[in-house]
Amino acid sequence: MAAPLSVQVEFGGGAELLFDGVKKHQVTLPGQEEPWDIRNLLVWIKKNLLKERPELFIRGDSVRPGILVLVNDADWELLGELDYQLQDQDSILFISTLHGG
């Protein structure tokens, strides 16, 4: 069983508006059978942090196009995207690149 993890989840570029305007969240993810990955984290975020309009953040089991994801300041595409296994004290930043005009 995977131990609980403490991670920082941060939202920017307007994405924070979907989370009651709160940019930084220090969260403890509970222990579970399988290791935590980004895919599981997104489900947890949707259930526990997302306050409105999930369609602006989630599409299917991933983030919607236009949301940049950084793990410890590295592009998640270099780390395996949804399959990246979270480590204790990781920092995950979601930045919306979609802006109205």
PDB file of N, CA and C in Angstrom:
ATOM      1  N   MET A   1       0.843  -1.196   0.000  1.00  0.00           N
ATOM      2  CA  MET A   1       0.000   0.000   0.000  1.00  0.00           C
ATOM      3  C   MET A   1       0.879   1.247   0.000  1.00  0.00           C
ATOM      4  N   ALA A   2       0.517   2.198  -0.831  1.00  0.00           N
ATOM      5  CA  ALA A   2       1.269   3.447  -0.916  1.00  0.00           C
ATOM      6  C   ALA A   2       0.952   4.329   0.295  1.00  0.00           C
ATOM      7  N   ALA A   3       1.983   4.934   0.845  1.00  0.00           N
ATOM      8  CA  ALA A   3       1.830   5.814   2.002  1.00  0.00           C
ATOM      9  C   ALA A   3       1.174   7.127   1.576  1.00  0.00           C
ATOM     10  N   PRO A   4       0.589   7.859   2.527  1.00  0.00           N
ATOM     11  CA  PRO A   4       0.054   9.188   2.200  1.00  0.00           C
ATOM     12  C   PRO A   4       1.170  10.096   1.670  1.00  0.00           C
ATOM     13  N   LEU A   5       0.798  11.004   0.784  1.00  0.00           N
ATOM     14  CA  LEU A   5       1.751  11.949   0.194  1.00  0.00           C
ATOM     15  C   LEU A   5       1.326  13.372   0.504  1.00  0.00           C
ATOM     16  N   SER A   6       2.300  14.227   0.773  1.00  0.00           N
ATOM     17  CA  SER A   6       2.042  15.648   0.920  1.00  0.00           C
ATOM     18  C   SER A   6       2.561  16.338  -0.340  1.00  0.00           C
ATOM     19  N   VAL A   7       1.667  17.009  -1.062  1.00  0.00           N
ATOM     20  CA  VAL A   7       2.047  17.697  -2.297  1.00  0.00           C
ATOM     21  C   VAL A   7       1.447  19.086  -2.312  1.00  0.00           C
ATOM     22  N   GLN A   8       2.078  19.968  -3.081  1.00  0.00           N
ATOM     23  CA  GLN A   8       1.516  21.299  -3.294  1.00  0.00           C
ATOM     24  C   GLN A   8       0.869  21.316  -4.668  1.00  0.00           C
ATOM     25  N   VAL A   9      -0.387  21.729  -4.710  1.00  0.00           N
ATOM     26  CA  VAL A   9      -1.124  21.861  -5.965  1.00  0.00           C
ATOM     27  C   VAL A   9      -1.408  23.345  -6.146  1.00  0.00           C
ATOM     28  N   GLU A  10      -1.024  23.869  -7.315  1.00  0.00           N
ATOM     29  CA  GLU A  10      -1.165  25.303  -7.556  1.00  0.00           C
ATOM     30  C   GLU A  10      -1.858  25.537  -8.895  1.00  0.00           C
ATOM     31  N   PHE A  11      -2.667  26.595  -8.937  1.00  0.00           N
ATOM     32  CA  PHE A  11      -3.419  26.938 -10.142  1.00  0.00           C
ATOM     33  C   PHE A  11      -3.114  28.380 -10.520  1.00  0.00           C
ATOM     34  N   GLY A  12      -2.966  28.646 -11.822  1.00  0.00           N
ATOM     35  CA  GLY A  12      -2.666  30.003 -12.274  1.00  0.00           C
ATOM     36  C   GLY A  12      -3.245  30.278 -13.654  1.00  0.00           C
ATOM     37  N   GLY A  13      -3.039  31.494 -14.120  1.00  0.00           N
ATOM     38  CA  GLY A  13      -3.506  31.892 -15.440  1.00  0.00           C
ATOM     39  C   GLY A  13      -5.014  31.979 -15.563  1.00  0.00           C
ATOM     40  N   GLY A  14      -5.691  32.075 -14.426  1.00  0.00           N
ATOM     41  CA  GLY A  14      -7.152  32.120 -14.414  1.00  0.00           C
ATOM     42  C   GLY A  14      -7.773  30.818 -13.951  1.00  0.00           C
ATOM     43  N   ALA A  15      -7.030  29.717 -13.982  1.00  0.00           N
ATOM     44  CA  ALA A  15      -7.561  28.423 -13.532  1.00  0.00           C
ATOM     45  C   ALA A  15      -7.970  28.479 -12.061  1.00  0.00           C
ATOM     46  N   GLU A  16      -7.313  29.341 -11.287  1.00  0.00           N
ATOM     47  CA  GLU A  16      -7.633  29.437  -9.859  1.00  0.00           C
ATOM     48  C   GLU A  16      -9.073  29.877  -9.616  1.00  0.00           C
ATOM     49  N   LEU A  17      -9.692  30.530 -10.602  1.00  0.00           N
ATOM     50  CA  LEU A  17     -11.078  30.983 -10.448  1.00  0.00           C
ATOM     51  C   LEU A  17     -12.043  29.809 -10.295  1.00  0.00           C
ATOM     52  N   LEU A  18     -11.649  28.636 -10.799  1.00  0.00           N
ATOM     53  CA  LEU A  18     -12.477  27.436 -10.667  1.00  0.00           C
ATOM     54  C   LEU A  18     -12.343  26.807  -9.280  1.00  0.00           C
ATOM     55  N   PHE A  19     -11.397  27.333  -8.497  1.00  0.00           N
ATOM     56  CA  PHE A  19     -11.082  26.790  -7.175  1.00  0.00           C
ATOM     57  C   PHE A  19     -11.263  27.866  -6.101  1.00  0.00           C
ATOM     58  N   ASP A  20     -12.343  28.629  -6.227  1.00  0.00           N
ATOM     59  CA  ASP A  20     -12.664  29.715  -5.289  1.00  0.00           C
ATOM     60  C   ASP A  20     -11.575  30.774  -5.212  1.00  0.00           C
ATOM     61  N   GLY A  21     -10.805  30.930  -6.283  1.00  0.00           N
ATOM     62  CA  GLY A  21      -9.772  31.957  -6.323  1.00  0.00           C
ATOM     63  C   GLY A  21      -8.528  31.623  -5.520  1.00  0.00           C
ATOM     64  N   VAL A  22      -8.451  30.413  -4.980  1.00  0.00           N
ATOM     65  CA  VAL A  22      -7.290  30.008  -4.182  1.00  0.00           C
ATOM     66  C   VAL A  22      -6.239  29.411  -5.114  1.00  0.00           C
ATOM     67  N   LYS A  23      -5.048  30.021  -5.117  1.00  0.00           N
ATOM     68  CA  LYS A  23      -3.989  29.572  -6.022  1.00  0.00           C
ATOM     69  C   LYS A  23      -3.212  28.376  -5.501  1.00  0.00           C
ATOM     70  N   LYS A  24      -2.848  28.392  -4.222  1.00  0.00           N
ATOM     71  CA  LYS A  24      -1.987  27.342  -3.667  1.00  0.00           C
ATOM     72  C   LYS A  24      -2.743  26.492  -2.652  1.00  0.00           C
ATOM     73  N   HIS A  25      -2.591  25.190  -2.805  1.00  0.00           N
ATOM     74  CA  HIS A  25      -3.214  24.234  -1.885  1.00  0.00           C
ATOM     75  C   HIS A  25      -2.136  23.250  -1.448  1.00  0.00           C
ATOM     76  N   GLN A  26      -1.898  23.143  -0.160  1.00  0.00           N
ATOM     77  CA  GLN A  26      -1.005  22.112   0.378  1.00  0.00           C
ATOM     78  C   GLN A  26      -1.918  20.966   0.784  1.00  0.00           C
ATOM     79  N   VAL A  27      -1.787  19.832   0.118  1.00  0.00           N
ATOM     80  CA  VAL A  27      -2.724  18.736   0.361  1.00  0.00           C
ATOM     81  C   VAL A  27      -1.987  17.466   0.764  1.00  0.00           C
ATOM     82  N   THR A  28      -2.672  16.657   1.544  1.00  0.00           N
ATOM     83  CA  THR A  28      -2.179  15.330   1.888  1.00  0.00           C
ATOM     84  C   THR A  28      -3.094  14.324   1.218  1.00  0.00           C
ATOM     85  N   LEU A  29      -2.516  13.555   0.318  1.00  0.00           N
ATOM     86  CA  LEU A  29      -3.270  12.529  -0.392  1.00  0.00           C
ATOM     87  C   LEU A  29      -3.240  11.257   0.446  1.00  0.00           C
ATOM     88  N   PRO A  30      -4.383  10.636   0.674  1.00  0.00           N
ATOM     89  CA  PRO A  30      -4.425   9.468   1.557  1.00  0.00           C
ATOM     90  C   PRO A  30      -3.686   8.269   0.969  1.00  0.00           C
ATOM     91  N   GLY A  31      -3.242   7.382   1.849  1.00  0.00           N
ATOM     92  CA  GLY A  31      -2.639   6.143   1.394  1.00  0.00           C
ATOM     93  C   GLY A  31      -3.649   5.333   0.604  1.00  0.00           C
ATOM     94  N   GLN A  32      -3.189   4.617  -0.415  1.00  0.00           N
ATOM     95  CA  GLN A  32      -4.077   3.786  -1.226  1.00  0.00           C
ATOM     96  C   GLN A  32      -3.286   2.599  -1.770  1.00  0.00           C
ATOM     97  N   GLU A  33      -3.994   1.652  -2.351  1.00  0.00           N
ATOM     98  CA  GLU A  33      -3.358   0.423  -2.853  1.00  0.00           C
ATOM     99  C   GLU A  33      -2.291   0.730  -3.907  1.00  0.00           C
ATOM    100  N   GLU A  34      -2.651   1.561  -4.886  1.00  0.00           N
ATOM    101  CA  GLU A  34      -1.749   1.860  -5.997  1.00  0.00           C
ATOM    102  C   GLU A  34      -1.029   3.175  -5.732  1.00  0.00           C
ATOM    103  N   PRO A  35       0.180   3.340  -6.276  1.00  0.00           N
ATOM    104  CA  PRO A  35       0.880   4.625  -6.120  1.00  0.00           C
ATOM    105  C   PRO A  35       0.069   5.760  -6.753  1.00  0.00           C
ATOM    106  N   TRP A  36       0.184   6.939  -6.178  1.00  0.00           N
ATOM    107  CA  TRP A  36      -0.491   8.120  -6.724  1.00  0.00           C
ATOM    108  C   TRP A  36       0.188   8.532  -8.029  1.00  0.00           C
ATOM    109  N   ASP A  37      -0.624   8.788  -9.049  1.00  0.00           N
ATOM    110  CA  ASP A  37      -0.117   9.365 -10.291  1.00  0.00           C
ATOM    111  C   ASP A  37      -0.991  10.577 -10.631  1.00  0.00           C
ATOM    112  N   ILE A  38      -0.631  11.258 -11.705  1.00  0.00           N
ATOM    113  CA  ILE A  38      -1.374  12.471 -12.072  1.00  0.00           C
ATOM    114  C   ILE A  38      -2.836  12.127 -12.385  1.00  0.00           C
ATOM    115  N   ARG A  39      -3.064  10.972 -13.008  1.00  0.00           N
ATOM    116  CA  ARG A  39      -4.433  10.560 -13.337  1.00  0.00           C
ATOM    117  C   ARG A  39      -5.287  10.490 -12.060  1.00  0.00           C
ATOM    118  N   ASN A  40      -4.759   9.829 -11.015  1.00  0.00           N
ATOM    119  CA  ASN A  40      -5.490   9.728  -9.744  1.00  0.00           C
ATOM    120  C   ASN A  40      -5.614  11.089  -9.073  1.00  0.00           C
ATOM    121  N   LEU A  41      -4.572  11.913  -9.186  1.00  0.00           N
ATOM    122  CA  LEU A  41      -4.614  13.249  -8.603  1.00  0.00           C
ATOM    123  C   LEU A  41      -5.736  14.083  -9.213  1.00  0.00           C
ATOM    124  N   LEU A  42      -5.934  13.995 -10.528  1.00  0.00           N
ATOM    125  CA  LEU A  42      -6.993  14.767 -11.177  1.00  0.00           C
ATOM    126  C   LEU A  42      -8.371  14.361 -10.668  1.00  0.00           C
ATOM    127  N   VAL A  43      -8.575  13.072 -10.436  1.00  0.00           N
ATOM    128  CA  VAL A  43      -9.844  12.604  -9.872  1.00  0.00           C
ATOM    129  C   VAL A  43     -10.017  13.193  -8.472  1.00  0.00           C
ATOM    130  N   TRP A  44      -8.944  13.162  -7.670  1.00  0.00           N
ATOM    131  CA  TRP A  44      -8.992  13.704  -6.315  1.00  0.00           C
ATOM    132  C   TRP A  44      -9.275  15.208  -6.337  1.00  0.00           C
ATOM    133  N   ILE A  45      -8.608  15.935  -7.241  1.00  0.00           N
ATOM    134  CA  ILE A  45      -8.830  17.383  -7.369  1.00  0.00           C
ATOM    135  C   ILE A  45     -10.288  17.667  -7.716  1.00  0.00           C
ATOM    136  N   LYS A  46     -10.830  16.916  -8.667  1.00  0.00           N
ATOM    137  CA  LYS A  46     -12.220  17.132  -9.082  1.00  0.00           C
ATOM    138  C   LYS A  46     -13.175  16.919  -7.910  1.00  0.00           C
ATOM    139  N   LYS A  47     -12.924  15.903  -7.078  1.00  0.00           N
ATOM    140  CA  LYS A  47     -13.804  15.602  -5.939  1.00  0.00           C
ATOM    141  C   LYS A  47     -13.616  16.554  -4.772  1.00  0.00           C
ATOM    142  N   ASN A  48     -12.390  17.039  -4.555  1.00  0.00           N
ATOM    143  CA  ASN A  48     -12.071  17.738  -3.311  1.00  0.00           C
ATOM    144  C   ASN A  48     -11.770  19.231  -3.424  1.00  0.00           C
ATOM    145  N   LEU A  49     -11.305  19.684  -4.590  1.00  0.00           N
ATOM    146  CA  LEU A  49     -10.912  21.089  -4.697  1.00  0.00           C
ATOM    147  C   LEU A  49     -11.734  21.886  -5.709  1.00  0.00           C
ATOM    148  N   LEU A  50     -12.105  21.270  -6.805  1.00  0.00           N
ATOM    149  CA  LEU A  50     -12.791  21.974  -7.899  1.00  0.00           C
ATOM    150  C   LEU A  50     -14.172  22.430  -7.439  1.00  0.00           C
ATOM    151  N   LYS A  51     -14.451  23.722  -7.568  1.00  0.00           N
ATOM    152  CA  LYS A  51     -15.695  24.287  -7.046  1.00  0.00           C
ATOM    153  C   LYS A  51     -16.735  24.537  -8.127  1.00  0.00           C
ATOM    154  N   GLU A  52     -16.329  24.771  -9.361  1.00  0.00           N
ATOM    155  CA  GLU A  52     -17.297  25.077 -10.401  1.00  0.00           C
ATOM    156  C   GLU A  52     -16.761  24.736 -11.778  1.00  0.00           C
ATOM    157  N   ARG A  53     -17.662  24.523 -12.708  1.00  0.00           N
ATOM    158  CA  ARG A  53     -17.389  24.339 -14.134  1.00  0.00           C
ATOM    159  C   ARG A  53     -16.243  23.366 -14.417  1.00  0.00           C
ATOM    160  N   PRO A  54     -16.414  22.100 -14.030  1.00  0.00           N
ATOM    161  CA  PRO A  54     -15.348  21.117 -14.246  1.00  0.00           C
ATOM    162  C   PRO A  54     -14.951  20.982 -15.710  1.00  0.00           C
ATOM    163  N   GLU A  55     -15.866  21.283 -16.624  1.00  0.00           N
ATOM    164  CA  GLU A  55     -15.552  21.166 -18.059  1.00  0.00           C
ATOM    165  C   GLU A  55     -14.465  22.143 -18.499  1.00  0.00           C
ATOM    166  N   LEU A  56     -14.207  23.179 -17.701  1.00  0.00           N
ATOM    167  CA  LEU A  56     -13.144  24.122 -18.028  1.00  0.00           C
ATOM    168  C   LEU A  56     -11.775  23.647 -17.531  1.00  0.00           C
ATOM    169  N   PHE A  57     -11.757  22.558 -16.777  1.00  0.00           N
ATOM    170  CA  PHE A  57     -10.493  22.053 -16.237  1.00  0.00           C
ATOM    171  C   PHE A  57     -10.213  20.609 -16.664  1.00  0.00           C
ATOM    172  N   ILE A  58     -11.253  19.775 -16.669  1.00  0.00           N
ATOM    173  CA  ILE A  58     -11.108  18.345 -16.944  1.00  0.00           C
ATOM    174  C   ILE A  58     -11.787  18.006 -18.270  1.00  0.00           C
ATOM    175  N   ARG A  59     -11.131  17.166 -19.066  1.00  0.00           N
ATOM    176  CA  ARG A  59     -11.766  16.581 -20.246  1.00  0.00           C
ATOM    177  C   ARG A  59     -11.403  15.103 -20.253  1.00  0.00           C
ATOM    178  N   GLY A  60     -12.408  14.251 -20.106  1.00  0.00           N
ATOM    179  CA  GLY A  60     -12.155  12.816 -19.986  1.00  0.00           C
ATOM    180  C   GLY A  60     -11.416  12.544 -18.692  1.00  0.00           C
ATOM    181  N   ASP A  61     -10.255  11.865 -18.778  1.00  0.00           N
ATOM    182  CA  ASP A  61      -9.478  11.589 -17.559  1.00  0.00           C
ATOM    183  C   ASP A  61      -8.233  12.461 -17.473  1.00  0.00           C
ATOM    184  N   SER A  62      -8.193  13.531 -18.300  1.00  0.00           N
ATOM    185  CA  SER A  62      -7.031  14.422 -18.307  1.00  0.00           C
ATOM    186  C   SER A  62      -7.480  15.873 -18.150  1.00  0.00           C
ATOM    187  N   VAL A  63      -6.513  16.778 -18.180  1.00  0.00           N
ATOM    188  CA  VAL A  63      -6.862  18.197 -18.206  1.00  0.00           C
ATOM    189  C   VAL A  63      -7.279  18.554 -19.620  1.00  0.00           C
ATOM    190  N   ARG A  64      -8.084  19.575 -19.745  1.00  0.00           N
ATOM    191  CA  ARG A  64      -8.516  19.979 -21.084  1.00  0.00           C
ATOM    192  C   ARG A  64      -7.356  20.652 -21.824  1.00  0.00           C
ATOM    193  N   PRO A  65      -7.398  20.636 -23.147  1.00  0.00           N
ATOM    194  CA  PRO A  65      -6.356  21.343 -23.899  1.00  0.00           C
ATOM    195  C   PRO A  65      -6.307  22.810 -23.478  1.00  0.00           C
ATOM    196  N   GLY A  66      -5.100  23.358 -23.407  1.00  0.00           N
ATOM    197  CA  GLY A  66      -4.934  24.742 -22.972  1.00  0.00           C
ATOM    198  C   GLY A  66      -4.530  24.860 -21.516  1.00  0.00           C
ATOM    199  N   ILE A  67      -4.465  23.737 -20.802  1.00  0.00           N
ATOM    200  CA  ILE A  67      -3.969  23.739 -19.423  1.00  0.00           C
ATOM    201  C   ILE A  67      -2.554  23.169 -19.442  1.00  0.00           C
ATOM    202  N   LEU A  68      -1.592  23.995 -19.086  1.00  0.00           N
ATOM    203  CA  LEU A  68      -0.192  23.580 -18.996  1.00  0.00           C
ATOM    204  C   LEU A  68       0.036  22.987 -17.616  1.00  0.00           C
ATOM    205  N   VAL A  69       0.675  21.821 -17.571  1.00  0.00           N
ATOM    206  CA  VAL A  69       0.927  21.143 -16.292  1.00  0.00           C
ATOM    207  C   VAL A  69       2.435  21.043 -16.076  1.00  0.00           C
ATOM    208  N   LEU A  70       2.884  21.567 -14.931  1.00  0.00           N
ATOM    209  CA  LEU A  70       4.290  21.484 -14.557  1.00  0.00           C
ATOM    210  C   LEU A  70       4.405  20.705 -13.258  1.00  0.00           C
ATOM    211  N   VAL A  71       5.346  19.770 -13.223  1.00  0.00           N
ATOM    212  CA  VAL A  71       5.640  19.007 -12.015  1.00  0.00           C
ATOM    213  C   VAL A  71       7.051  19.383 -11.595  1.00  0.00           C
ATOM    214  N   ASN A  72       7.175  20.010 -10.445  1.00  0.00           N
ATOM    215  CA  ASN A  72       8.477  20.501  -9.969  1.00  0.00           C
ATOM    216  C   ASN A  72       9.157  21.350 -11.045  1.00  0.00           C
ATOM    217  N   ASP A  73       8.378  22.223 -11.661  1.00  0.00           N
ATOM    218  CA  ASP A  73       8.828  23.167 -12.696  1.00  0.00           C
ATOM    219  C   ASP A  73       9.241  22.516 -14.006  1.00  0.00           C
ATOM    220  N   ALA A  74       8.924  21.235 -14.212  1.00  0.00           N
ATOM    221  CA  ALA A  74       9.209  20.552 -15.476  1.00  0.00           C
ATOM    222  C   ALA A  74       7.888  20.219 -16.178  1.00  0.00           C
ATOM    223  N   ASP A  75       7.868  20.363 -17.502  1.00  0.00           N
ATOM    224  CA  ASP A  75       6.683  20.044 -18.288  1.00  0.00           C
ATOM    225  C   ASP A  75       6.322  18.570 -18.096  1.00  0.00           C
ATOM    226  N   TRP A  76       5.071  18.309 -17.774  1.00  0.00           N
ATOM    227  CA  TRP A  76       4.654  16.924 -17.506  1.00  0.00           C
ATOM    228  C   TRP A  76       4.812  16.029 -18.713  1.00  0.00           C
ATOM    229  N   GLU A  77       4.854  16.602 -19.932  1.00  0.00           N
ATOM    230  CA  GLU A  77       5.051  15.795 -21.138  1.00  0.00           C
ATOM    231  C   GLU A  77       6.399  15.086 -21.118  1.00  0.00           C
ATOM    232  N   LEU A  78       7.371  15.649 -20.413  1.00  0.00           N
ATOM    233  CA  LEU A  78       8.689  15.030 -20.306  1.00  0.00           C
ATOM    234  C   LEU A  78       8.726  13.955 -19.221  1.00  0.00           C
ATOM    235  N   LEU A  79       7.676  13.890 -18.404  1.00  0.00           N
ATOM    236  CA  LEU A  79       7.668  13.010 -17.236  1.00  0.00           C
ATOM    237  C   LEU A  79       6.667  11.859 -17.336  1.00  0.00           C
ATOM    238  N   GLY A  80       5.964  11.773 -18.469  1.00  0.00           N
ATOM    239  CA  GLY A  80       5.004  10.689 -18.627  1.00  0.00           C
ATOM    240  C   GLY A  80       3.550  11.112 -18.494  1.00  0.00           C
ATOM    241  N   GLU A  81       3.297  12.401 -18.410  1.00  0.00           N
ATOM    242  CA  GLU A  81       1.947  12.958 -18.309  1.00  0.00           C
ATOM    243  C   GLU A  81       1.125  12.277 -17.222  1.00  0.00           C
ATOM    244  N   LEU A  82      -0.014  11.674 -17.567  1.00  0.00           N
ATOM    245  CA  LEU A  82      -0.928  11.106 -16.571  1.00  0.00           C
ATOM    246  C   LEU A  82      -0.306   9.983 -15.754  1.00  0.00           C
ATOM    247  N   ASP A  83       0.716   9.326 -16.297  1.00  0.00           N
ATOM    248  CA  ASP A  83       1.324   8.174 -15.628  1.00  0.00           C
ATOM    249  C   ASP A  83       2.447   8.544 -14.661  1.00  0.00           C
ATOM    250  N   TYR A  84       2.802   9.830 -14.588  1.00  0.00           N
ATOM    251  CA  TYR A  84       3.861  10.239 -13.662  1.00  0.00           C
ATOM    252  C   TYR A  84       3.455   9.877 -12.239  1.00  0.00           C
ATOM    253  N   GLN A  85       4.320   9.136 -11.546  1.00  0.00           N
ATOM    254  CA  GLN A  85       4.039   8.763 -10.156  1.00  0.00           C
ATOM    255  C   GLN A  85       4.500   9.874  -9.220  1.00  0.00           C
ATOM    256  N   LEU A  86       3.556  10.376  -8.455  1.00  0.00           N
ATOM    257  CA  LEU A  86       3.839  11.474  -7.530  1.00  0.00           C
ATOM    258  C   LEU A  86       4.776  11.040  -6.416  1.00  0.00           C
ATOM    259  N   GLN A  87       5.625  11.971  -6.011  1.00  0.00           N
ATOM    260  CA  GLN A  87       6.542  11.762  -4.902  1.00  0.00           C
ATOM    261  C   GLN A  87       6.159  12.737  -3.784  1.00  0.00           C
ATOM    262  N   ASP A  88       6.480  12.358  -2.552  1.00  0.00           N
ATOM    263  CA  ASP A  88       6.212  13.247  -1.429  1.00  0.00           C
ATOM    264  C   ASP A  88       6.900  14.588  -1.662  1.00  0.00           C
ATOM    265  N   GLN A  89       6.206  15.674  -1.386  1.00  0.00           N
ATOM    266  CA  GLN A  89       6.687  17.055  -1.527  1.00  0.00           C
ATOM    267  C   GLN A  89       6.759  17.550  -2.974  1.00  0.00           C
ATOM    268  N   ASP A  90       6.169  16.817  -3.930  1.00  0.00           N
ATOM    269  CA  ASP A  90       6.099  17.311  -5.308  1.00  0.00           C
ATOM    270  C   ASP A  90       5.265  18.591  -5.351  1.00  0.00           C
ATOM    271  N   SER A  91       5.542  19.424  -6.344  1.00  0.00           N
ATOM    272  CA  SER A  91       4.765  20.621  -6.608  1.00  0.00           C
ATOM    273  C   SER A  91       4.163  20.480  -8.007  1.00  0.00           C
ATOM    274  N   ILE A  92       2.834  20.545  -8.092  1.00  0.00           N
ATOM    275  CA  ILE A  92       2.143  20.393  -9.370  1.00  0.00           C
ATOM    276  C   ILE A  92       1.417  21.696  -9.658  1.00  0.00           C
ATOM    277  N   LEU A  93       1.763  22.303 -10.779  1.00  0.00           N
ATOM    278  CA  LEU A  93       1.209  23.600 -11.172  1.00  0.00           C
ATOM    279  C   LEU A  93       0.385  23.445 -12.439  1.00  0.00           C
ATOM    280  N   PHE A  94      -0.851  23.926 -12.393  1.00  0.00           N
ATOM    281  CA  PHE A  94      -1.737  23.925 -13.542  1.00  0.00           C
ATOM    282  C   PHE A  94      -1.937  25.375 -13.979  1.00  0.00           C
ATOM    283  N   ILE A  95      -1.585  25.697 -15.214  1.00  0.00           N
ATOM    284  CA  ILE A  95      -1.698  27.060 -15.716  1.00  0.00           C
ATOM    285  C   ILE A  95      -2.614  27.063 -16.940  1.00  0.00           C
ATOM    286  N   SER A  96      -3.664  27.870 -16.884  1.00  0.00           N
ATOM    287  CA  SER A  96      -4.532  28.024 -18.042  1.00  0.00           C
ATOM    288  C   SER A  96      -3.875  28.971 -19.038  1.00  0.00           C
ATOM    289  N   THR A  97      -3.806  28.523 -20.288  1.00  0.00           N
ATOM    290  CA  THR A  97      -3.255  29.385 -21.343  1.00  0.00           C
ATOM    291  C   THR A  97      -4.397  29.955 -22.203  1.00  0.00           C
ATOM    292  N   LEU A  98      -5.632  29.699 -21.799  1.00  0.00           N
ATOM    293  CA  LEU A  98      -6.809  30.163 -22.541  1.00  0.00           C
ATOM    294  C   LEU A  98      -7.319  31.445 -21.905  1.00  0.00           C
ATOM    295  N   HIS A  99      -7.396  32.490 -22.685  1.00  0.00           N
ATOM    296  CA  HIS A  99      -7.847  33.780 -22.163  1.00  0.00           C
ATOM    297  C   HIS A  99      -8.850  34.379 -23.118  1.00  0.00           C
ATOM    298  N   GLY A 100      -9.899  34.957 -22.561  1.00  0.00           N
ATOM    299  CA  GLY A 100     -10.900  35.630 -23.382  1.00  0.00           C
ATOM    300  C   GLY A 100     -10.386  36.959 -23.913  1.00  0.00           C
ATOM    301  N   GLY A 101     -11.094  37.491 -24.833  1.00  0.00           N
ATOM    302  CA  GLY A 101     -10.646  38.759 -25.402  1.00  0.00           C
ATOM    303  C   GLY A 101     -11.768  39.710 -25.615  1.00  0.00           C
TER     304      GLY A 101
END
